[in-house]
Structure formats: structure tokens, C-alpha cells
Amino acid sequence: MPSEPIAPAPLLAARGLHKSFGDNHVLRGVDLDVAPGTVHALIGPSGSGKTTVLRSLNGLETPDAGTLRIGDLELDFSRPLGRRERAALHRASAMVFQQHHLFPHLTVLGNVTVGPIRVQGRGKEEARADALALLERVGLREKADAYPSSLSGGQQQRVGIVRALALQPSMLLFDEPTSSLDPELVGEVLAVMTELAAEGWTMAVVTHELGFAREVADEVSFFDEGVVVERGAPEQVFGDPQHERTKRFLQRLQGPFA
């Protein structure tokens, strides 16, 4: 009898993440796995803990308890993180934010190369060549010498994606990357993300774009009140949700994608 194929170990494994801000217990024991080369979508109402989890994966927030592994990096949040551990976490993952957060005084090329040069210590010519190649991939090579103020919101967000890619992380983190865009610009950003998924990038995506999550994600986690209420393949979570809270959320938001 043939043996079942062995699933690869997750690139990211978070266990028992807790986080409080004062009396607000935002994360209540969150577990999250992301397999290499897959897209994991985090969905749920505002304030459910999705963004706090994502920020914890990049060191922008520090959980009060729990453990995290990304590749060979293992962290235990029951004790304070050291400077080297925090720097290693920044190297392992790269964040694309809701707002573009581009430096207004730097050109597009300067925004993309500042991290590799100043943080990672890469040579200027190498960083420049890589940045230009990445800008070419997202159709912005001709904007290399432009300043952010001259770009549309969609173009600025694509630069934000390139800036993350330029850091050569193990995985990409997207925090509602289309939420601040005009509706006609959403598609160009989602198209870049879809291409990255097809290329095998490991991605964790907080999104309200349920159509994107259903079509592109390999796994979906539904968050509510600081816990993962339901997790599964998109066809299961969207097509046959098992929890009443998931059903109510999807009934309210999924109509346009039905």
C-alpha cells in the first residue's frame, strides 16, 4: 500500500500567542502555521487580532506569551527578546502596510534600496541593480527617479511591495494592503500579489478582499475576539463554514463575491 506523502514542515509556526494592551486582551492563545510556498489569509472583523498577529511576526509588536518559529529562527516570548533576535525576526519577514509609509524625501529607487544598504549592509550597486529589476517586474521601472508624491496610491503600494521584496525575506506579510486605495486601484495591487503567490512566495495576508482570499489563498483563518474561530481551505471556510460566527461574518461581507 503506497504511503501518504509527507507534508512539509511549516515555514512559520506560532503557538499560544497572547497579547494585551492594558485591559484589552487582544490575542488569546493564537496558533498559526504557514507552509512554505503558500498563502495564508487572515480574515475577520476589525479588532479581532489579525493585525496584531501579523505585527508580532515582524517584531513590530512583542507578544506577552507564546512561541514563534520562522525557518531556523525560534523565539520564546516568555522572556524579553534580545537585539539580535529582534533583528533576525526583521530579516526573516518583511511587511507591506495598509498605508504606503514611503519616505517622501527619497525617490522610488531610494525607498527600495535604503533597507538593503543601511540595514543589511549590501553594496550600493548590487542593491540598485536588484531594485531596478524588481521595479521592472511590477511595471514601475520608469518611475525609479520619481518621488512618492507623484505616484498614484496603487503605484505607491506596488513600491511598498518591491521594498519588501528587496529585503529578500523568507516570507511576506501583508496588512490589508488595498484598504486605503480607491476601488479602481485595488486590482493592480492584487494582481502583483497573485503573481507573487504563483511564484511560490510564502505569504500571510490580512485582508477584507474575500474574493482574493478565496481564489489565491491556500489556507484561511477566521479571527474573532482574539482567537482563531475557524481554519481551513478556502473552499471549506467560504463554501461550508462550520461555526455560526464565521457564517454570520461571511453572510454580511461575501455577497459581492458570490
Protein backbone atom coordinates (compact mmCIF):
# COMPACT_ATOMS: atom_id res chain seq x y z
CA MET A 1 0.00 0.00 0.00
CA PRO A 2 1.59 3.33 -1.03
CA SER A 3 2.47 5.64 1.79
CA GLU A 4 0.87 9.03 2.12
CA PRO A 5 3.10 11.94 1.05
CA ILE A 6 4.67 13.72 3.97
CA ALA A 7 3.58 17.34 4.24
CA PRO A 8 6.45 19.80 4.51
CA ALA A 9 7.10 21.34 7.90
CA PRO A 10 5.58 24.82 8.17
CA LEU A 11 7.92 27.70 7.43
CA LEU A 12 6.12 29.63 10.15
CA ALA A 13 4.72 28.09 13.32
CA ALA A 14 3.25 30.29 16.05
CA ARG A 15 1.92 28.73 19.23
CA GLY A 16 -0.09 30.21 22.10
CA LEU A 17 0.35 33.89 21.23
CA HIS A 18 -1.10 36.22 23.87
CA LYS A 19 -1.04 39.99 23.76
CA SER A 20 -2.74 42.60 25.92
CA PHE A 21 -2.84 46.37 25.67
CA GLY A 22 -3.79 47.43 29.16
CA ASP A 23 -7.05 45.67 29.98
CA ASN A 24 -7.68 44.77 26.34
CA HIS A 25 -6.69 41.12 25.78
CA VAL A 26 -6.18 41.29 22.00
CA LEU A 27 -4.69 37.83 21.41
CA ARG A 28 -5.93 34.88 23.47
CA GLY A 29 -3.73 31.93 22.59
CA VAL A 30 -3.40 32.13 18.81
CA ASP A 31 -1.81 29.27 16.86
CA LEU A 32 -0.84 29.83 13.24
CA ASP A 33 1.02 27.69 10.68
CA VAL A 34 2.09 28.79 7.21
CA ALA A 35 3.58 26.13 4.94
CA PRO A 36 6.45 27.10 2.63
CA GLY A 37 5.33 28.47 -0.72
CA THR A 38 1.73 29.00 0.36
CA VAL A 39 -0.61 31.93 1.01
CA HIS A 40 -2.43 32.07 4.35
CA ALA A 41 -5.25 34.61 4.53
CA LEU A 42 -6.30 36.07 7.88
CA ILE A 43 -9.89 37.33 7.80
CA GLY A 44 -12.33 38.59 10.40
CA PRO A 45 -13.92 41.75 11.79
CA SER A 46 -11.91 44.80 12.74
CA GLY A 47 -10.37 44.47 16.18
CA SER A 48 -10.30 40.67 16.09
CA GLY A 49 -6.49 40.44 16.44
CA LYS A 50 -5.44 39.82 12.83
CA THR A 51 -3.11 42.80 12.50
CA THR A 52 -1.62 42.25 15.96
CA VAL A 53 -0.67 38.70 14.94
CA LEU A 54 0.90 39.97 11.72
CA ARG A 55 2.87 42.68 13.51
CA SER A 56 4.08 40.08 16.01
CA LEU A 57 5.51 38.04 13.14
CA ASN A 58 7.68 41.00 12.14
CA GLY A 59 8.72 42.18 15.60
CA LEU A 60 6.61 45.35 15.45
CA GLU A 61 4.68 44.02 18.43
CA THR A 62 6.00 41.65 21.08
CA PRO A 63 3.55 39.05 22.40
CA ASP A 64 3.28 38.62 26.16
CA ALA A 65 3.48 34.83 25.83
CA GLY A 66 3.84 32.12 23.22
CA THR A 67 6.48 30.87 20.81
CA LEU A 68 7.32 31.58 17.18
CA ARG A 69 9.43 29.79 14.63
CA ILE A 70 10.25 31.09 11.16
CA GLY A 71 12.62 28.74 9.38
CA ASP A 72 15.56 28.17 11.73
CA LEU A 73 14.69 31.15 13.95
CA GLU A 74 12.97 30.17 17.20
CA LEU A 75 11.66 32.71 19.70
CA ASP A 76 10.10 32.31 23.14
CA PHE A 77 8.09 35.35 24.22
CA SER A 78 8.04 34.32 27.86
CA ARG A 79 11.31 36.24 28.13
CA PRO A 80 12.41 39.57 26.57
CA LEU A 81 13.80 39.38 23.06
CA GLY A 82 17.41 40.36 22.57
CA ARG A 83 18.53 42.83 19.94
CA ARG A 84 19.91 40.06 17.73
CA GLU A 85 16.70 38.05 17.97
CA ARG A 86 14.61 41.06 17.00
CA ALA A 87 16.93 41.85 14.08
CA ALA A 88 16.74 38.22 12.93
CA LEU A 89 12.94 38.42 13.00
CA HIS A 90 13.05 41.56 10.84
CA ARG A 91 15.27 39.71 8.35
CA ALA A 92 13.02 36.66 8.24
CA SER A 93 9.86 38.55 7.33
CA ALA A 94 9.00 41.78 5.54
CA MET A 95 5.83 43.82 6.00
CA VAL A 96 3.65 45.61 3.46
CA PHE A 97 1.44 48.06 5.35
CA GLN A 98 -2.05 49.48 4.88
CA GLN A 99 -0.53 52.90 4.28
CA HIS A 100 2.44 53.09 1.96
CA HIS A 101 4.90 54.56 4.51
CA LEU A 102 7.31 55.66 1.76
CA PHE A 103 9.93 58.26 2.63
CA PRO A 104 8.72 61.42 0.85
CA HIS A 105 12.23 62.88 0.53
CA LEU A 106 13.59 59.79 -1.27
CA THR A 107 12.97 58.72 -4.83
CA VAL A 108 11.31 55.40 -5.58
CA LEU A 109 14.74 53.86 -6.06
CA GLY A 110 15.95 55.38 -2.81
CA ASN A 111 12.97 53.98 -0.93
CA VAL A 112 13.65 50.48 -2.25
CA THR A 113 17.41 50.48 -1.65
CA VAL A 114 17.58 52.15 1.77
CA GLY A 115 16.83 48.92 3.66
CA PRO A 116 19.24 46.61 1.83
CA ILE A 117 22.04 49.20 2.05
CA ARG A 118 21.61 50.67 5.53
CA VAL A 119 20.12 47.72 7.40
CA GLN A 120 21.56 44.72 5.59
CA GLY A 121 24.88 46.28 4.57
CA ARG A 122 24.63 45.32 0.91
CA GLY A 123 26.66 47.16 -1.72
CA LYS A 124 25.00 50.14 -3.40
CA GLU A 125 25.41 48.84 -6.93
CA GLU A 126 24.06 45.41 -6.06
CA ALA A 127 21.10 46.90 -4.22
CA ARG A 128 20.42 49.30 -7.11
CA ALA A 129 20.51 46.56 -9.73
CA ASP A 130 18.18 44.34 -7.72
CA ALA A 131 15.81 47.24 -7.08
CA LEU A 132 15.58 48.15 -10.76
CA ALA A 133 14.88 44.53 -11.68
CA LEU A 134 12.09 44.35 -9.09
CA LEU A 135 10.59 47.65 -10.25
CA GLU A 136 10.61 46.27 -13.79
CA ARG A 137 8.62 43.25 -12.58
CA VAL A 138 5.80 45.42 -11.24
CA GLY A 139 5.80 47.83 -14.18
CA LEU A 140 7.43 50.76 -12.39
CA ARG A 141 10.96 50.82 -13.83
CA GLU A 142 10.31 54.22 -15.43
CA LYS A 143 9.34 55.63 -12.01
CA ALA A 144 12.70 54.85 -10.37
CA ASP A 145 13.69 58.53 -10.15
CA ALA A 146 10.24 59.83 -9.26
CA TYR A 147 9.18 60.90 -5.78
CA PRO A 148 6.25 59.25 -3.97
CA SER A 149 4.09 62.37 -4.19
CA SER A 150 3.94 61.98 -7.99
CA LEU A 151 2.62 58.40 -7.83
CA SER A 152 -0.93 57.11 -7.57
CA GLY A 153 -1.93 55.17 -4.46
CA GLY A 154 -1.70 51.90 -6.37
CA GLN A 155 1.77 52.74 -7.64
CA GLN A 156 2.92 53.68 -4.14
CA GLN A 157 1.63 50.39 -2.77
CA ARG A 158 3.45 48.48 -5.52
CA VAL A 159 6.63 50.30 -4.49
CA GLY A 160 5.90 49.17 -0.94
CA ILE A 161 5.74 45.57 -2.16
CA VAL A 162 9.03 45.98 -4.05
CA ARG A 163 10.62 47.46 -0.93
CA ALA A 164 9.64 44.33 0.99
CA LEU A 165 10.90 42.02 -1.75
CA ALA A 166 14.23 43.85 -1.87
CA LEU A 167 14.96 42.69 1.68
CA GLN A 168 14.94 39.07 0.42
CA PRO A 169 12.87 37.78 3.37
CA SER A 170 11.75 34.22 3.96
CA MET A 171 8.12 35.35 3.91
CA LEU A 172 5.99 38.37 3.09
CA LEU A 173 3.39 39.88 5.44
CA PHE A 174 0.56 42.00 4.03
CA ASP A 175 -1.61 44.07 6.36
CA GLU A 176 -4.75 44.97 4.40
CA PRO A 177 -2.62 46.31 1.53
CA THR A 178 -5.63 47.55 -0.50
CA SER A 179 -7.73 49.10 2.26
CA SER A 180 -6.52 52.66 1.63
CA LEU A 181 -6.84 52.50 -2.17
CA ASP A 182 -9.57 53.80 -4.41
CA PRO A 183 -11.59 50.87 -5.79
CA GLU A 184 -10.20 51.20 -9.32
CA LEU A 185 -6.62 50.82 -8.00
CA VAL A 186 -7.21 47.69 -5.91
CA GLY A 187 -6.88 45.34 -8.87
CA GLU A 188 -3.35 46.35 -9.80
CA VAL A 189 -2.07 45.59 -6.29
CA LEU A 190 -3.93 42.28 -6.05
CA ALA A 191 -2.52 41.31 -9.44
CA VAL A 192 1.04 41.74 -8.15
CA MET A 193 0.22 39.70 -5.05
CA THR A 194 -1.33 36.96 -7.19
CA GLU A 195 1.83 36.80 -9.30
CA LEU A 196 3.98 36.52 -6.17
CA ALA A 197 1.80 33.67 -4.93
CA ALA A 198 2.20 31.91 -8.28
CA GLU A 199 5.99 32.30 -7.99
CA GLY A 200 5.94 30.43 -4.67
CA TRP A 201 6.40 33.23 -2.15
CA THR A 202 5.28 32.36 1.35
CA MET A 203 2.71 34.96 2.36
CA ALA A 204 0.48 35.80 5.32
CA VAL A 205 -2.21 38.27 4.28
CA VAL A 206 -4.67 40.18 6.44
CA THR A 207 -7.40 41.16 4.02
CA HIS A 208 -11.04 42.12 3.60
CA GLU A 209 -10.81 41.21 -0.10
CA LEU A 210 -12.64 37.92 0.31
CA GLY A 211 -12.62 37.19 -3.41
CA PHE A 212 -8.82 37.35 -3.41
CA ALA A 213 -8.64 35.14 -0.32
CA ARG A 214 -10.97 32.58 -1.86
CA GLU A 215 -9.12 32.42 -5.19
CA VAL A 216 -5.46 32.80 -4.16
CA ALA A 217 -5.07 31.59 -0.57
CA ASP A 218 -4.14 28.01 0.23
CA GLU A 219 -5.50 28.30 3.76
CA VAL A 220 -7.77 30.75 5.57
CA SER A 221 -8.04 31.57 9.28
CA PHE A 222 -11.11 33.41 10.58
CA PHE A 223 -10.38 35.52 13.66
CA ASP A 224 -12.83 36.86 16.20
CA GLU A 225 -12.18 38.36 19.64
CA GLY A 226 -8.53 37.35 19.72
CA VAL A 227 -8.87 33.70 18.77
CA VAL A 228 -8.90 31.67 15.56
CA VAL A 229 -12.52 30.55 15.34
CA GLU A 230 -12.15 28.54 12.14
CA ARG A 231 -9.32 27.46 9.89
CA GLY A 232 -9.29 25.51 6.65
CA ALA A 233 -9.01 25.52 2.88
CA PRO A 234 -10.82 28.41 1.17
CA GLU A 235 -13.46 26.13 -0.33
CA GLN A 236 -14.30 24.86 3.16
CA VAL A 237 -14.25 28.18 5.05
CA PHE A 238 -16.14 30.10 2.36
CA GLY A 239 -18.27 27.29 0.98
CA ASP A 240 -19.15 25.29 4.10
CA PRO A 241 -18.24 27.19 7.27
CA GLN A 242 -18.68 25.15 10.42
CA HIS A 243 -19.06 27.90 13.02
CA GLU A 244 -22.03 30.21 13.36
CA ARG A 245 -19.79 33.24 13.89
CA THR A 246 -18.00 32.53 10.61
CA LYS A 247 -21.31 32.15 8.81
CA ARG A 248 -22.59 35.49 10.07
CA PHE A 249 -19.40 37.28 9.06
CA LEU A 250 -19.42 35.83 5.55
CA GLN A 251 -23.13 36.45 5.03
CA ARG A 252 -22.53 40.12 5.78
CA LEU A 253 -19.47 40.56 3.56
CA GLN A 254 -19.38 37.85 0.92
CA GLY A 255 -22.31 38.92 -1.20
CA PRO A 256 -20.33 40.71 -3.97
CA PHE A 257 -18.12 37.63 -4.45
CA ALA A 258 -20.93 35.03 -4.57
